[in-house]
C-alpha cells in the first residue's frame, strides 16, 4: 500500500479529461491522472489511429504503474452535416433575404450554396429550421422544390466554406454510425477501450446498432445532443449503458433556456436507472486560455454535481488548452467543495429514487441504509458485471463504495460511476471469505482502520452475475 492509498479520490463525482495535442505526452497524462482525471476521452473527430494507439498504450502503462484502473472513452465523430464552398470563401447573408440550398457542387455565392445531404432535402418541409455555423445563422424553409430548398434568412451574418448544419425540427434518415465511425469503432474495440461515445443519437435503434457491434466489449455511452433523442429519451436510455449530456450540439439545436432543464431531466432519468451519466461541454471553457475559470463556469460545474451527475467532463480545456493540469485541479476542487456542503447531501438524499423492485435492488438499498445507521466507513460491493456497484451507487450512500471485481475491464468501466473505488481481486468462495477479503481491502486501500465497521453486499453463490442477495456488517480487525 502506497502513502497515497493507491490514489484514492476523496470525492464521489468523477472527472473525464479529453486527450489531445496539449496532453499527448506520457508526462502530461500522468500529471492529469494524479491531479484528478478518472477517465480519459479520445476524440475520434481529431487525430490519427496512431495517435490514439499511443495514448491508449500510455494510459495502460500508467494504470499498471499506479495500480489503479483508468477508464478510456472512445468518442466517435458521427455524421457531420456541412454546406459546400463559396466562390470567395465567404459571403454575408442579410436577415429576410432568400437563400437557396441545392445539390449543385459548384461554388456558391450570396444567393445559393451546395447542401450535399439529400436526406435533409427529402425530409424538410415549409417551416423547417436550419441552423448554420453552431447557431450563428438560422434559416427557415419557405419551399421544398425537391432538388433544392428555398429558405428565408431569419438570423443573418457571415457564412464561410464547409460550415456545419443542424436540423433540430426533423428526424433525418441517417444512421448514427458512418463508414468512418465503423472503422474507428473497430479500432477502439480492438484496443480494448472501455466506453464508446455514440454521437448523433436520434432514436433507440441507433444505440441498439452500436451495442450489437460492441457485443459487450465496451459500454455504449449515448450522447444526448439532439432534440429527437429527447423525444424518445426513455427508450434511448433503456438501451444505453451510460449517457452523456452533450451540451454543445444540444445547445445549438435547443433554445438556450431549455438546455439546463434537459440536463436535469437526463441526469435524473439515468440515476433512476442506476446507469452512469456524464455532463459535458464548455464546463471550464475560459481555462483554455486562462489559468482560472469564470464564476459562472465554477457555478456550472457545481450545478452538475448538485444535479447528481456521475461525472463531469473537460474537452478542449485539457485537449488543446494552455492550462490542462490547472483545469483538472480546478474541477477537482469545485467538486470536492460542493460534496462537503450540507445542502448537497440533503439534495442528494432527497433525490434518491425508490429501490428497484428486485432482490438485488433491495439489498443494494438496504446496504446504504445500514451503512448510514451504523456509521460504516465503506460499502463493499462484490460484483461480476459491475451491476451491484452501480445499484449501490444509485442510492448515493454516505460512505465510499468499494467495487470488488475479478475482471480489470469491469474495474475500468466503474471508473466513471459515482462514488465507486474499484479494486480487482479474486472471486470469493463464500460469504465468510468475501467479508474477510473486503475487510482486508478496506484496510489496505485506506478506507478503514481496526475497529471501524464496513458493510458487505454480494451474491451467493459467488461468481454468478445478477445474484446479489446477501448483506453483512463486519468490523475491521
Protein backbone atom coordinates (compact mmCIF):
# COMPACT_ATOMS: atom_id res chain seq x y z
CA UNK A 1 0.00 0.00 0.00
CA UNK A 2 1.44 3.37 -1.00
CA UNK A 3 1.16 6.54 1.12
CA UNK A 4 -1.47 7.72 -1.39
CA UNK A 5 -3.53 4.60 -0.77
CA UNK A 6 -3.24 3.87 -4.48
CA UNK A 7 -4.59 7.27 -5.48
CA UNK A 8 -7.87 7.08 -3.63
CA UNK A 9 -10.10 10.04 -4.56
CA UNK A 10 -11.75 11.99 -1.77
CA UNK A 11 -14.78 12.92 -3.85
CA UNK A 12 -17.63 10.92 -5.35
CA UNK A 13 -18.22 12.67 -8.70
CA UNK A 14 -15.70 11.53 -11.32
CA UNK A 15 -13.72 13.62 -13.83
CA UNK A 16 -13.33 12.84 -17.53
CA UNK A 17 -10.44 14.59 -19.31
CA UNK A 18 -10.04 14.72 -23.09
CA UNK A 19 -6.61 13.97 -24.55
CA UNK A 20 -5.21 15.99 -27.44
CA UNK A 21 -2.19 17.99 -28.57
CA UNK A 22 -1.87 19.70 -25.19
CA UNK A 23 -1.98 16.40 -23.29
CA UNK A 24 -0.40 13.76 -25.51
CA UNK A 25 2.85 13.14 -23.64
CA UNK A 26 3.21 10.41 -21.03
CA UNK A 27 4.32 13.02 -18.50
CA UNK A 28 1.24 15.18 -19.03
CA UNK A 29 -1.17 12.24 -18.97
CA UNK A 30 0.28 11.11 -15.64
CA UNK A 31 0.01 14.65 -14.24
CA UNK A 32 -3.65 14.83 -15.28
CA UNK A 33 -4.35 11.46 -13.70
CA UNK A 34 -2.61 12.25 -10.43
CA UNK A 35 -4.34 15.64 -10.32
CA UNK A 36 -7.75 14.04 -10.59
CA UNK A 37 -8.72 12.60 -14.00
CA UNK A 38 -10.52 9.25 -13.61
CA UNK A 39 -11.35 8.61 -17.27
CA UNK A 40 -9.55 9.77 -20.42
CA UNK A 41 -11.52 10.62 -23.56
CA UNK A 42 -10.15 10.01 -27.04
CA UNK A 43 -11.87 12.28 -29.56
CA UNK A 44 -12.01 10.47 -32.90
CA UNK A 45 -13.07 13.68 -34.66
CA UNK A 46 -9.37 14.56 -34.43
CA UNK A 47 -6.07 12.71 -34.55
CA UNK A 48 -4.99 9.52 -36.28
CA UNK A 49 -5.27 5.93 -35.19
CA UNK A 50 -1.55 6.03 -34.50
CA UNK A 51 -2.08 8.99 -32.16
CA UNK A 52 -4.87 7.23 -30.30
CA UNK A 53 -2.94 3.95 -30.09
CA UNK A 54 -0.05 5.81 -28.46
CA UNK A 55 -2.41 7.43 -25.93
CA UNK A 56 -4.03 4.10 -25.12
CA UNK A 57 -0.63 2.48 -24.55
CA UNK A 58 0.43 5.36 -22.30
CA UNK A 59 -2.75 5.15 -20.20
CA UNK A 60 -2.46 1.37 -19.82
CA UNK A 61 1.18 1.69 -18.76
CA UNK A 62 0.17 4.35 -16.22
CA UNK A 63 -2.59 2.10 -14.96
CA UNK A 64 -0.07 -0.68 -14.36
CA UNK A 65 2.45 1.54 -12.58
CA UNK A 66 -0.16 3.28 -10.39
CA UNK A 67 -2.13 0.17 -9.50
CA UNK A 68 -5.42 1.94 -10.27
CA UNK A 69 -7.93 1.18 -13.05
CA UNK A 70 -8.33 4.03 -15.56
CA UNK A 71 -11.25 4.29 -17.96
CA UNK A 72 -10.85 5.04 -21.68
CA UNK A 73 -13.71 6.63 -23.63
CA UNK A 74 -13.53 6.49 -27.44
CA UNK A 75 -15.82 9.25 -28.74
CA UNK A 76 -16.72 8.56 -32.38
CA UNK A 77 -17.49 11.51 -34.63
CA UNK A 78 -20.90 10.65 -36.05
CA UNK A 79 -22.39 12.22 -39.21
CA UNK A 80 -21.22 15.76 -39.90
CA UNK A 81 -23.67 17.81 -41.95
CA UNK A 82 -22.00 20.68 -43.78
CA UNK A 83 -22.70 23.13 -46.60
CA UNK A 84 -20.39 23.35 -49.64
CA UNK A 85 -17.90 26.03 -50.58
CA UNK A 86 -18.24 29.64 -51.77
CA UNK A 87 -16.51 31.23 -54.75
CA UNK A 88 -14.90 33.80 -52.49
CA UNK A 89 -14.68 31.60 -49.43
CA UNK A 90 -17.21 33.70 -47.52
CA UNK A 91 -20.50 35.57 -48.03
CA UNK A 92 -22.77 37.69 -45.89
CA UNK A 93 -26.45 36.81 -45.55
CA UNK A 94 -28.88 39.55 -44.59
CA UNK A 95 -31.94 38.99 -42.46
CA UNK A 96 -35.06 38.43 -44.54
CA UNK A 97 -33.27 37.63 -47.79
CA UNK A 98 -33.92 34.48 -49.82
CA UNK A 99 -31.19 31.85 -49.88
CA UNK A 100 -31.12 28.59 -51.82
CA UNK A 101 -29.66 25.24 -50.71
CA UNK A 102 -29.18 22.74 -53.53
CA UNK A 103 -27.15 19.75 -54.68
CA UNK A 104 -25.09 21.70 -57.24
CA UNK A 105 -21.40 21.21 -56.30
CA UNK A 106 -20.26 24.44 -57.97
CA UNK A 107 -19.03 27.19 -55.61
CA UNK A 108 -21.80 29.21 -54.01
CA UNK A 109 -22.48 32.90 -53.64
CA UNK A 110 -24.70 35.20 -51.60
CA UNK A 111 -27.80 33.63 -53.21
CA UNK A 112 -27.07 29.88 -53.01
CA UNK A 113 -24.71 27.15 -51.85
CA UNK A 114 -24.48 23.39 -52.08
CA UNK A 115 -26.13 21.24 -49.39
CA UNK A 116 -24.72 17.76 -50.16
CA UNK A 117 -27.19 15.91 -47.96
CA UNK A 118 -30.23 14.56 -49.82
CA UNK A 119 -31.63 13.31 -46.51
CA UNK A 120 -32.25 16.92 -45.48
CA UNK A 121 -33.83 17.80 -48.81
CA UNK A 122 -36.18 14.83 -48.62
CA UNK A 123 -37.23 15.48 -45.01
CA UNK A 124 -37.50 19.30 -44.86
CA UNK A 125 -40.91 20.93 -45.15
CA UNK A 126 -42.03 24.57 -45.14
CA UNK A 127 -41.29 25.94 -41.68
CA UNK A 128 -38.32 23.63 -41.02
CA UNK A 129 -35.45 25.44 -39.28
CA UNK A 130 -31.84 25.04 -40.42
CA UNK A 131 -29.14 26.20 -38.04
CA UNK A 132 -25.73 27.03 -39.53
CA UNK A 133 -22.26 27.53 -38.05
CA UNK A 134 -23.03 26.42 -34.47
CA UNK A 135 -26.14 28.55 -34.21
CA UNK A 136 -24.76 31.79 -35.60
CA UNK A 137 -27.18 31.79 -38.57
CA UNK A 138 -30.74 30.47 -38.85
CA UNK A 139 -32.74 29.76 -41.99
CA UNK A 140 -36.39 28.80 -42.34
CA UNK A 141 -37.54 26.67 -45.27
CA UNK A 142 -40.13 28.51 -47.37
CA UNK A 143 -40.43 25.95 -50.18
CA UNK A 144 -39.09 22.47 -50.87
CA UNK A 145 -38.68 22.12 -54.65
CA UNK A 146 -37.44 18.55 -54.46
CA UNK A 147 -33.93 19.23 -55.71
CA UNK A 148 -33.43 22.39 -53.65
CA UNK A 149 -34.73 24.34 -50.68
CA UNK A 150 -35.73 27.99 -50.85
CA UNK A 151 -35.11 29.50 -47.44
CA UNK A 152 -35.65 32.79 -45.67
CA UNK A 153 -32.75 34.07 -43.59
CA UNK A 154 -34.05 34.57 -40.05
CA UNK A 155 -30.70 35.40 -38.45
CA UNK A 156 -28.01 36.67 -40.81
CA UNK A 157 -24.28 37.09 -40.67
CA UNK A 158 -21.06 35.91 -42.27
CA UNK A 159 -21.05 32.37 -43.67
CA UNK A 160 -17.93 30.61 -44.93
CA UNK A 161 -16.93 27.31 -46.52
CA UNK A 162 -17.99 23.95 -45.07
CA UNK A 163 -19.81 25.28 -42.03
CA UNK A 164 -21.96 22.84 -40.09
CA UNK A 165 -25.71 22.42 -40.48
CA UNK A 166 -28.08 21.40 -37.68
CA UNK A 167 -31.68 20.42 -38.28
CA UNK A 168 -33.45 20.44 -34.91
CA UNK A 169 -37.02 20.03 -36.21
CA UNK A 170 -36.89 16.69 -38.03
CA UNK A 171 -35.59 13.14 -37.75
CA UNK A 172 -33.10 12.51 -40.55
CA UNK A 173 -32.79 9.13 -42.24
CA UNK A 174 -29.10 8.96 -41.38
CA UNK A 175 -27.51 6.23 -39.24
CA UNK A 176 -25.59 7.35 -36.15
CA UNK A 177 -22.54 5.39 -37.34
CA UNK A 178 -20.85 6.47 -40.58
CA UNK A 179 -18.31 4.41 -42.51
CA UNK A 180 -15.55 6.32 -40.70
CA UNK A 181 -17.21 5.64 -37.35
CA UNK A 182 -17.34 1.91 -38.02
CA UNK A 183 -13.63 1.88 -38.83
CA UNK A 184 -12.90 3.90 -35.69
CA UNK A 185 -15.19 1.67 -33.64
CA UNK A 186 -13.41 -1.49 -34.82
CA UNK A 187 -10.07 0.11 -33.94
CA UNK A 188 -11.22 1.23 -30.49
CA UNK A 189 -12.71 -2.16 -29.62
CA UNK A 190 -9.59 -3.95 -30.84
CA UNK A 191 -7.62 -1.76 -28.43
CA UNK A 192 -9.92 -2.64 -25.52
CA UNK A 193 -11.36 0.79 -24.74
CA UNK A 194 -13.97 0.78 -22.01
CA UNK A 195 -16.62 3.15 -23.38
CA UNK A 196 -17.84 4.13 -26.84
CA UNK A 197 -19.28 7.65 -27.06
CA UNK A 198 -22.07 7.42 -29.66
CA UNK A 199 -22.76 10.73 -31.42
CA UNK A 200 -25.85 11.81 -33.39
CA UNK A 201 -28.27 9.58 -31.48
CA UNK A 202 -31.79 10.22 -32.74
CA UNK A 203 -33.64 7.02 -31.80
CA UNK A 204 -33.16 3.83 -29.77
CA UNK A 205 -32.24 1.88 -32.91
CA UNK A 206 -29.01 3.90 -33.11
CA UNK A 207 -27.96 2.64 -29.68
CA UNK A 208 -29.04 -0.91 -30.47
CA UNK A 209 -26.85 -0.92 -33.58
CA UNK A 210 -23.77 0.20 -31.65
CA UNK A 211 -24.41 -2.31 -28.88
CA UNK A 212 -24.67 -5.11 -31.41
CA UNK A 213 -21.27 -4.17 -32.83
CA UNK A 214 -19.67 -3.76 -29.40
CA UNK A 215 -21.08 -7.13 -28.27
CA UNK A 216 -20.32 -6.40 -24.62
CA UNK A 217 -16.70 -5.42 -25.22
CA UNK A 218 -17.38 -1.83 -24.13
CA UNK A 219 -20.22 0.16 -22.62
CA UNK A 220 -22.14 2.34 -25.08
CA UNK A 221 -22.46 5.96 -23.93
CA UNK A 222 -25.40 7.58 -25.70
CA UNK A 223 -24.57 11.23 -26.31
CA UNK A 224 -27.80 13.18 -25.95
CA UNK A 225 -27.23 16.11 -28.26
CA UNK A 226 -30.32 16.16 -30.50
CA UNK A 227 -33.94 17.06 -29.68
CA UNK A 228 -35.03 13.86 -31.43
CA UNK A 229 -33.25 11.81 -28.75
CA UNK A 230 -35.10 13.76 -26.06
CA UNK A 231 -38.38 12.89 -27.79
CA UNK A 232 -37.60 9.18 -27.23
CA UNK A 233 -35.44 9.60 -24.16
CA UNK A 234 -36.77 6.70 -22.10
CA UNK A 235 -36.31 4.21 -24.94
CA UNK A 236 -32.81 5.51 -25.72
CA UNK A 237 -31.67 5.41 -22.09
CA UNK A 238 -33.17 1.97 -21.50
CA UNK A 239 -30.79 0.59 -24.14
CA UNK A 240 -27.69 2.66 -23.36
CA UNK A 241 -25.12 1.54 -20.79
CA UNK A 242 -24.37 5.17 -19.91
CA UNK A 243 -25.24 8.64 -21.21
CA UNK A 244 -23.60 11.97 -21.85
CA UNK A 245 -25.36 15.33 -21.71
CA UNK A 246 -23.55 16.70 -24.77
CA UNK A 247 -24.46 20.34 -24.31
CA UNK A 248 -22.51 21.63 -27.33
CA UNK A 249 -24.78 20.43 -30.12
CA UNK A 250 -27.75 20.24 -27.77
CA UNK A 251 -27.29 23.95 -27.09
CA UNK A 252 -27.27 24.66 -30.83
CA UNK A 253 -30.45 22.73 -31.56
CA UNK A 254 -32.41 23.65 -28.43
CA UNK A 255 -33.23 27.16 -27.20
CA UNK A 256 -30.66 28.07 -24.53
CA UNK A 257 -33.27 28.21 -21.78
CA UNK A 258 -34.18 24.57 -22.45
CA UNK A 259 -30.66 23.13 -22.04
CA UNK A 260 -30.45 23.25 -18.20
CA UNK A 261 -33.85 21.56 -17.96
CA UNK A 262 -32.77 18.87 -20.42
CA UNK A 263 -29.62 18.30 -18.36
CA UNK A 264 -31.60 17.80 -15.17
CA UNK A 265 -34.05 15.51 -16.92
CA UNK A 266 -31.32 13.28 -18.36
CA UNK A 267 -29.36 13.12 -15.10
CA UNK A 268 -32.50 12.28 -13.13
CA UNK A 269 -33.53 9.58 -15.62
CA UNK A 270 -30.11 7.92 -15.57
CA UNK A 271 -29.90 7.94 -11.78
CA UNK A 272 -33.29 6.23 -11.62
CA UNK A 273 -31.91 3.54 -13.93
CA UNK A 274 -28.70 3.16 -11.95
CA UNK A 275 -26.58 3.99 -15.01
CA UNK A 276 -23.70 6.49 -15.19
CA UNK A 277 -24.28 9.92 -16.72
CA UNK A 278 -21.62 12.44 -17.76
CA UNK A 279 -22.25 16.19 -18.07
CA UNK A 280 -20.03 17.65 -20.79
CA UNK A 281 -19.05 20.67 -22.90
CA UNK A 282 -17.79 24.14 -22.01
CA UNK A 283 -17.64 23.45 -18.30
CA UNK A 284 -14.44 25.46 -17.77
CA UNK A 285 -14.19 26.88 -21.29
CA UNK A 286 -12.30 30.04 -20.34
CA UNK A 287 -9.48 27.90 -18.94
CA UNK A 288 -8.44 27.08 -22.50
CA UNK A 289 -6.64 30.42 -22.38
CA UNK A 290 -6.78 31.48 -18.72
CA UNK A 291 -5.42 29.88 -15.52
CA UNK A 292 -8.72 30.35 -13.65
CA UNK A 293 -12.38 29.92 -14.63
CA UNK A 294 -15.16 32.45 -14.57
CA UNK A 295 -17.55 32.44 -11.63
CA UNK A 296 -20.31 31.27 -13.95
CA UNK A 297 -18.24 28.27 -15.02
CA UNK A 298 -17.49 27.31 -11.42
CA UNK A 299 -21.22 27.50 -10.73
CA UNK A 300 -21.92 25.37 -13.81
CA UNK A 301 -19.65 22.57 -12.57
CA UNK A 302 -21.19 22.84 -9.12
CA UNK A 303 -24.66 22.69 -10.66
CA UNK A 304 -23.88 19.40 -12.38
CA UNK A 305 -22.69 17.98 -9.06
CA UNK A 306 -25.86 19.18 -7.32
CA UNK A 307 -27.91 17.64 -10.14
CA UNK A 308 -26.36 14.26 -9.32
CA UNK A 309 -24.14 13.61 -12.34
CA UNK A 310 -21.77 10.66 -12.06
CA UNK A 311 -19.04 12.56 -13.89
CA UNK A 312 -18.15 15.97 -15.32
CA UNK A 313 -16.04 16.31 -18.43
CA UNK A 314 -13.32 18.60 -19.76
CA UNK A 315 -12.98 18.86 -23.54
CA UNK A 316 -10.77 21.48 -25.20
CA UNK A 317 -9.63 22.60 -21.74
CA UNK A 318 -7.33 19.57 -21.49
CA UNK A 319 -7.09 18.59 -25.17
CA UNK A 320 -5.86 21.88 -26.58
CA UNK A 321 -5.79 24.42 -23.76
CA UNK A 322 -2.85 26.22 -22.23
CA UNK A 323 -3.69 25.06 -18.68
CA UNK A 324 -4.75 21.40 -18.79
CA UNK A 325 -3.46 20.45 -15.32
CA UNK A 326 -4.92 23.59 -13.77
CA UNK A 327 -8.30 22.78 -15.37
CA UNK A 328 -8.39 19.29 -13.84
CA UNK A 329 -7.23 20.68 -10.50
CA UNK A 330 -9.92 23.36 -10.56
CA UNK A 331 -12.64 20.86 -11.42
CA UNK A 332 -11.42 18.58 -8.63
CA UNK A 333 -11.50 21.47 -6.17
CA UNK A 334 -15.00 22.57 -7.15
CA UNK A 335 -16.42 19.05 -6.98
CA UNK A 336 -14.74 18.32 -3.65
CA UNK A 337 -16.00 21.55 -2.11
CA UNK A 338 -19.59 21.00 -3.25
CA UNK A 339 -19.62 17.49 -1.83
CA UNK A 340 -18.61 18.87 1.57
CA UNK A 341 -21.72 21.07 1.67
CA UNK A 342 -24.68 20.04 3.83
CA UNK A 343 -27.16 21.21 1.20
CA UNK A 344 -25.52 18.91 -1.34
CA UNK A 345 -26.09 15.90 0.92
CA UNK A 346 -29.68 16.94 1.66
CA UNK A 347 -30.45 17.36 -2.05
CA UNK A 348 -28.70 14.09 -2.90
CA UNK A 349 -30.75 12.21 -0.32
CA UNK A 350 -33.97 13.93 -1.37
CA UNK A 351 -33.37 12.88 -4.99
CA UNK A 352 -32.90 9.21 -4.13
CA UNK A 353 -35.18 7.12 -6.37
CA UNK A 354 -37.26 4.32 -4.86
CA UNK A 355 -35.47 0.96 -4.58
CA UNK A 356 -35.63 -1.26 -7.63
CA UNK A 357 -38.33 -3.90 -7.27
CA UNK A 358 -35.88 -6.80 -7.16
CA UNK A 359 -33.84 -8.72 -4.59
CA UNK A 360 -30.64 -7.12 -5.90
CA UNK A 361 -32.16 -3.65 -5.72
CA UNK A 362 -33.47 -4.21 -2.22
CA UNK A 363 -30.09 -5.50 -0.97
CA UNK A 364 -28.25 -2.52 -2.50
CA UNK A 365 -30.68 -0.04 -0.94
CA UNK A 366 -30.51 -1.82 2.40
CA UNK A 367 -26.69 -1.77 2.31
CA UNK A 368 -26.72 2.02 2.02
CA UNK A 369 -29.28 2.42 4.80
CA UNK A 370 -27.42 0.08 7.13
CA UNK A 371 -24.14 1.86 6.34
CA UNK A 372 -25.68 5.17 7.35
CA UNK A 373 -27.21 3.75 10.53
CA UNK A 374 -24.05 2.05 11.83
CA UNK A 375 -21.65 4.74 10.59
CA UNK A 376 -19.83 2.37 8.25
CA UNK A 377 -16.59 3.57 6.70
CA UNK A 378 -17.30 1.89 3.35
CA UNK A 379 -19.78 -0.24 1.43
CA UNK A 380 -18.06 -3.19 -0.26
CA UNK A 381 -19.93 -4.43 -3.34
CA UNK A 382 -18.77 -7.73 -4.83
CA UNK A 383 -19.75 -7.60 -8.48
CA UNK A 384 -19.05 -9.65 -11.60
CA UNK A 385 -20.58 -7.31 -14.19
CA UNK A 386 -20.48 -4.06 -12.22
CA UNK A 387 -24.25 -4.05 -11.66
CA UNK A 388 -24.11 -4.44 -7.86
CA UNK A 389 -21.71 -1.50 -7.54
CA UNK A 390 -23.95 0.56 -9.84
CA UNK A 391 -27.02 -0.29 -7.77
CA UNK A 392 -25.26 0.85 -4.61
CA UNK A 393 -24.03 3.98 -6.42
CA UNK A 394 -27.62 4.70 -7.47
CA UNK A 395 -28.51 5.25 -3.79
CA UNK A 396 -25.62 7.73 -3.33
CA UNK A 397 -24.53 6.38 0.10
CA UNK A 398 -22.66 8.48 2.64
CA UNK A 399 -19.54 6.25 2.80
CA UNK A 400 -17.46 5.45 -0.31
CA UNK A 401 -18.19 2.34 -2.37
CA UNK A 402 -15.57 -0.34 -2.93
CA UNK A 403 -16.42 -2.13 -6.17
CA UNK A 404 -14.69 -5.51 -5.79
CA UNK A 405 -14.36 -7.20 -9.18
CA UNK A 406 -12.45 -10.08 -10.72
CA UNK A 407 -12.12 -8.53 -14.19
CA UNK A 408 -9.92 -5.47 -14.85
CA UNK A 409 -12.20 -4.36 -17.70
CA UNK A 410 -15.14 -4.06 -15.28
CA UNK A 411 -12.98 -2.09 -12.85
CA UNK A 412 -12.15 0.35 -15.65
CA UNK A 413 -15.83 0.80 -16.51
CA UNK A 414 -16.62 1.56 -12.89
CA UNK A 415 -14.12 4.44 -13.07
CA UNK A 416 -17.00 6.60 -14.34
CA UNK A 417 -19.51 5.54 -11.66
CA UNK A 418 -20.33 7.91 -8.79
CA UNK A 419 -18.52 7.08 -5.57
CA UNK A 420 -17.07 3.76 -6.73
CA UNK A 421 -13.44 2.88 -5.97
CA UNK A 422 -12.90 -0.30 -7.99
CA UNK A 423 -10.42 -2.95 -6.89
CA UNK A 424 -9.54 -6.13 -8.78
CA UNK A 425 -9.49 -9.17 -6.52
CA UNK A 426 -10.02 -12.92 -6.71
CA UNK A 427 -13.55 -14.25 -6.58
CA UNK A 428 -14.80 -15.05 -3.08
CA UNK A 429 -15.54 -18.68 -2.26
CA UNK A 430 -18.35 -17.81 0.10
CA UNK A 431 -19.74 -15.04 2.28
CA UNK A 432 -17.19 -15.55 5.07
CA UNK A 433 -14.34 -15.33 2.56
CA UNK A 434 -15.98 -12.27 1.00
CA UNK A 435 -16.17 -10.50 4.36
CA UNK A 436 -12.54 -11.28 5.17
CA UNK A 437 -11.44 -10.12 1.73
CA UNK A 438 -13.49 -6.89 1.96
CA UNK A 439 -12.10 -6.10 5.42
CA UNK A 440 -8.53 -6.60 4.22
CA UNK A 441 -9.04 -4.43 1.10
CA UNK A 442 -10.78 -1.69 3.10
CA UNK A 443 -7.75 -1.56 5.38
CA UNK A 444 -5.19 -1.72 2.56
CA UNK A 445 -6.94 0.93 0.46
CA UNK A 446 -7.16 3.34 3.38
CA UNK A 447 -10.94 3.26 3.88
CA UNK A 448 -10.99 1.76 7.36
CA UNK A 449 -8.84 1.14 10.41
CA UNK A 450 -9.08 -1.53 13.10
CA UNK A 451 -12.32 -1.09 14.99
CA UNK A 452 -14.16 0.54 12.07
CA UNK A 453 -17.25 -1.03 10.53
CA UNK A 454 -17.92 -1.78 6.85
CA UNK A 455 -20.96 -3.18 5.05
CA UNK A 456 -20.51 -6.01 2.54
CA UNK A 457 -23.00 -6.83 -0.23
CA UNK A 458 -22.68 -9.78 -2.54
CA UNK A 459 -24.36 -12.80 -4.07
CA UNK A 460 -24.45 -16.43 -3.11
CA UNK A 461 -23.26 -18.44 -4.94
CA UNK A 462 -20.37 -16.08 -5.75
CA UNK A 463 -19.25 -15.87 -9.35
CA UNK A 464 -22.73 -15.76 -10.87
CA UNK A 465 -23.82 -12.36 -12.24
CA UNK A 466 -27.12 -10.97 -11.04
CA UNK A 467 -27.29 -12.86 -7.73
CA UNK A 468 -26.86 -10.02 -5.20
CA UNK A 469 -28.78 -11.45 -2.26
CA UNK A 470 -26.62 -11.16 0.86
CA UNK A 471 -25.65 -8.40 3.27
CA UNK A 472 -23.19 -8.46 6.16
CA UNK A 473 -21.81 -5.93 8.62
CA UNK A 474 -18.17 -6.50 9.57
CA UNK A 475 -15.70 -4.95 11.97
CA UNK A 476 -12.17 -4.32 10.73
CA UNK A 477 -9.56 -6.22 12.75
